[in-house]
N, C-alpha and C. Protein backbone atom coordinates (compact mmCIF):
# COMPACT_ATOMS: atom_id res chain seq x y z
N UNK A 1 35.04 -3.24 -16.97
CA UNK A 1 34.62 -3.53 -15.61
C UNK A 1 34.43 -5.04 -15.46
N UNK A 2 34.76 -5.49 -14.30
CA UNK A 2 34.60 -6.91 -14.04
C UNK A 2 33.19 -7.19 -13.54
N UNK A 3 32.79 -8.42 -13.60
CA UNK A 3 31.46 -8.83 -13.17
C UNK A 3 31.28 -8.59 -11.67
N UNK A 4 32.34 -8.86 -10.90
CA UNK A 4 32.24 -8.65 -9.45
C UNK A 4 32.02 -7.18 -9.12
N UNK A 5 32.73 -6.31 -9.81
CA UNK A 5 32.59 -4.88 -9.56
C UNK A 5 31.18 -4.42 -9.91
N UNK A 6 30.66 -4.90 -11.02
CA UNK A 6 29.30 -4.54 -11.42
C UNK A 6 28.30 -5.01 -10.39
N UNK A 7 28.48 -6.24 -9.88
CA UNK A 7 27.57 -6.76 -8.86
C UNK A 7 27.63 -5.93 -7.58
N UNK A 8 28.85 -5.52 -7.18
CA UNK A 8 29.00 -4.72 -5.97
C UNK A 8 28.35 -3.35 -6.15
N UNK A 9 28.54 -2.74 -7.32
CA UNK A 9 27.93 -1.44 -7.58
C UNK A 9 26.41 -1.55 -7.62
N UNK A 10 25.89 -2.61 -8.21
CA UNK A 10 24.45 -2.81 -8.27
C UNK A 10 23.88 -3.01 -6.87
N UNK A 11 24.57 -3.78 -6.05
CA UNK A 11 24.12 -4.01 -4.67
C UNK A 11 24.14 -2.70 -3.88
N UNK A 12 25.19 -1.91 -4.05
CA UNK A 12 25.29 -0.63 -3.34
C UNK A 12 24.19 0.32 -3.80
N UNK A 13 23.90 0.35 -5.09
CA UNK A 13 22.84 1.20 -5.61
C UNK A 13 21.48 0.77 -5.08
N UNK A 14 21.24 -0.53 -5.05
CA UNK A 14 19.98 -1.05 -4.54
C UNK A 14 19.80 -0.69 -3.07
N UNK A 15 20.85 -0.84 -2.28
CA UNK A 15 20.77 -0.50 -0.86
C UNK A 15 20.50 0.99 -0.67
N UNK A 16 21.15 1.82 -1.47
CA UNK A 16 20.95 3.27 -1.36
C UNK A 16 19.51 3.63 -1.72
N UNK A 17 18.97 2.99 -2.74
CA UNK A 17 17.59 3.26 -3.13
C UNK A 17 16.62 2.82 -2.04
N UNK A 18 16.89 1.68 -1.42
CA UNK A 18 16.01 1.19 -0.36
C UNK A 18 16.05 2.12 0.84
N UNK A 19 17.24 2.58 1.21
CA UNK A 19 17.34 3.51 2.34
C UNK A 19 16.66 4.83 2.03
N UNK A 20 16.79 5.30 0.81
CA UNK A 20 16.11 6.52 0.40
C UNK A 20 14.60 6.36 0.46
N UNK A 21 14.13 5.18 0.08
CA UNK A 21 12.70 4.91 0.14
C UNK A 21 12.17 4.89 1.55
N UNK A 22 12.96 4.35 2.46
CA UNK A 22 12.54 4.32 3.86
C UNK A 22 12.46 5.73 4.45
N UNK A 23 13.40 6.56 4.10
CA UNK A 23 13.38 7.93 4.59
C UNK A 23 12.19 8.67 4.02
N UNK A 24 11.92 8.46 2.74
CA UNK A 24 10.80 9.15 2.09
C UNK A 24 9.46 8.70 2.66
N UNK A 25 9.36 7.47 3.13
CA UNK A 25 8.09 6.97 3.66
C UNK A 25 7.69 7.67 4.95
N UNK A 26 8.65 8.20 5.68
CA UNK A 26 8.33 8.86 6.95
C UNK A 26 7.61 10.18 6.75
N UNK A 27 7.89 10.85 5.65
CA UNK A 27 7.31 12.17 5.42
C UNK A 27 6.20 12.07 4.39
N UNK A 28 4.98 11.94 4.89
CA UNK A 28 3.84 11.86 3.98
C UNK A 28 3.34 13.25 3.66
N UNK A 29 3.13 13.47 2.40
CA UNK A 29 2.59 14.74 1.96
C UNK A 29 1.08 14.69 1.91
N UNK A 30 0.48 15.77 1.49
CA UNK A 30 -0.99 15.82 1.45
C UNK A 30 -1.58 14.80 0.48
N UNK A 31 -0.89 14.51 -0.61
CA UNK A 31 -1.42 13.53 -1.57
C UNK A 31 -1.46 12.14 -0.97
N UNK A 32 -0.41 11.77 -0.24
CA UNK A 32 -0.38 10.46 0.39
C UNK A 32 -1.46 10.34 1.46
N UNK A 33 -1.64 11.40 2.24
CA UNK A 33 -2.66 11.40 3.28
C UNK A 33 -4.06 11.31 2.66
N UNK A 34 -4.28 12.03 1.56
CA UNK A 34 -5.57 11.97 0.88
C UNK A 34 -5.80 10.57 0.32
N UNK A 35 -4.75 9.96 -0.23
CA UNK A 35 -4.86 8.61 -0.76
C UNK A 35 -5.22 7.61 0.32
N UNK A 36 -4.59 7.73 1.47
CA UNK A 36 -4.92 6.84 2.59
C UNK A 36 -6.35 7.04 3.04
N UNK A 37 -6.79 8.29 3.07
CA UNK A 37 -8.16 8.58 3.48
C UNK A 37 -9.15 7.96 2.49
N UNK A 38 -8.85 8.05 1.21
CA UNK A 38 -9.71 7.45 0.19
C UNK A 38 -9.72 5.94 0.35
N UNK A 39 -8.54 5.35 0.58
CA UNK A 39 -8.46 3.90 0.78
C UNK A 39 -9.31 3.46 1.96
N UNK A 40 -9.19 4.20 3.07
CA UNK A 40 -9.97 3.86 4.26
C UNK A 40 -11.47 3.97 3.99
N UNK A 41 -11.87 5.02 3.28
CA UNK A 41 -13.28 5.21 2.97
C UNK A 41 -13.81 4.09 2.08
N UNK A 42 -13.02 3.70 1.08
CA UNK A 42 -13.44 2.63 0.18
C UNK A 42 -13.54 1.30 0.91
N UNK A 43 -12.62 1.05 1.83
CA UNK A 43 -12.66 -0.19 2.60
C UNK A 43 -13.90 -0.21 3.49
N UNK A 44 -14.19 0.92 4.11
CA UNK A 44 -15.36 1.01 4.97
C UNK A 44 -16.64 0.81 4.15
N UNK A 45 -16.69 1.42 2.97
CA UNK A 45 -17.87 1.26 2.12
C UNK A 45 -18.02 -0.19 1.68
N UNK A 46 -16.92 -0.83 1.35
CA UNK A 46 -16.97 -2.24 0.96
C UNK A 46 -17.47 -3.12 2.08
N UNK A 47 -17.03 -2.85 3.29
CA UNK A 47 -17.49 -3.63 4.45
C UNK A 47 -18.99 -3.40 4.68
N UNK A 48 -19.45 -2.17 4.50
CA UNK A 48 -20.88 -1.87 4.67
C UNK A 48 -21.72 -2.60 3.63
N UNK A 49 -21.23 -2.61 2.40
CA UNK A 49 -21.96 -3.31 1.33
C UNK A 49 -21.99 -4.81 1.60
N UNK A 50 -20.88 -5.33 2.07
CA UNK A 50 -20.83 -6.76 2.40
C UNK A 50 -21.81 -7.09 3.52
N UNK A 51 -21.87 -6.24 4.53
CA UNK A 51 -22.80 -6.45 5.64
C UNK A 51 -24.24 -6.37 5.15
N UNK A 52 -24.53 -5.41 4.27
CA UNK A 52 -25.86 -5.28 3.71
C UNK A 52 -26.25 -6.53 2.94
N UNK A 53 -25.30 -7.07 2.16
CA UNK A 53 -25.56 -8.30 1.42
C UNK A 53 -25.87 -9.46 2.34
N UNK A 54 -25.14 -9.56 3.44
CA UNK A 54 -25.39 -10.63 4.41
C UNK A 54 -26.78 -10.47 5.04
N UNK A 55 -27.17 -9.21 5.33
CA UNK A 55 -28.49 -8.97 5.91
C UNK A 55 -29.60 -9.34 4.94
N UNK A 56 -29.40 -9.02 3.67
CA UNK A 56 -30.39 -9.37 2.64
C UNK A 56 -30.50 -10.89 2.51
N UNK A 57 -29.36 -11.54 2.51
CA UNK A 57 -29.35 -13.01 2.41
C UNK A 57 -30.05 -13.63 3.59
N UNK A 58 -29.79 -13.12 4.78
CA UNK A 58 -30.42 -13.64 5.98
C UNK A 58 -31.93 -13.42 5.95
N UNK A 59 -32.35 -12.23 5.49
CA UNK A 59 -33.78 -11.94 5.40
C UNK A 59 -34.46 -12.84 4.38
N UNK A 60 -33.77 -13.15 3.30
CA UNK A 60 -34.34 -14.01 2.27
C UNK A 60 -34.50 -15.45 2.77
N UNK A 61 -33.63 -15.89 3.67
CA UNK A 61 -33.72 -17.24 4.23
C UNK A 61 -34.91 -17.37 5.16
N UNK A 62 -35.30 -16.27 5.81
CA UNK A 62 -36.41 -16.29 6.78
C UNK A 62 -37.67 -16.07 6.09
């Protein structure tokens, strides 16, 4: 095989994998939905803890 042919095949394979990934992203299963829910919950908890820390800092300054 020539180098050009290998490059063309690699590019075609990469494009096919990317298109397959895009199609797969549209259909979220229960695991993906649960993961997103956990991510959202963790982000919310982190923001609450950060706000609590700011309130404690503010109270300590007064």
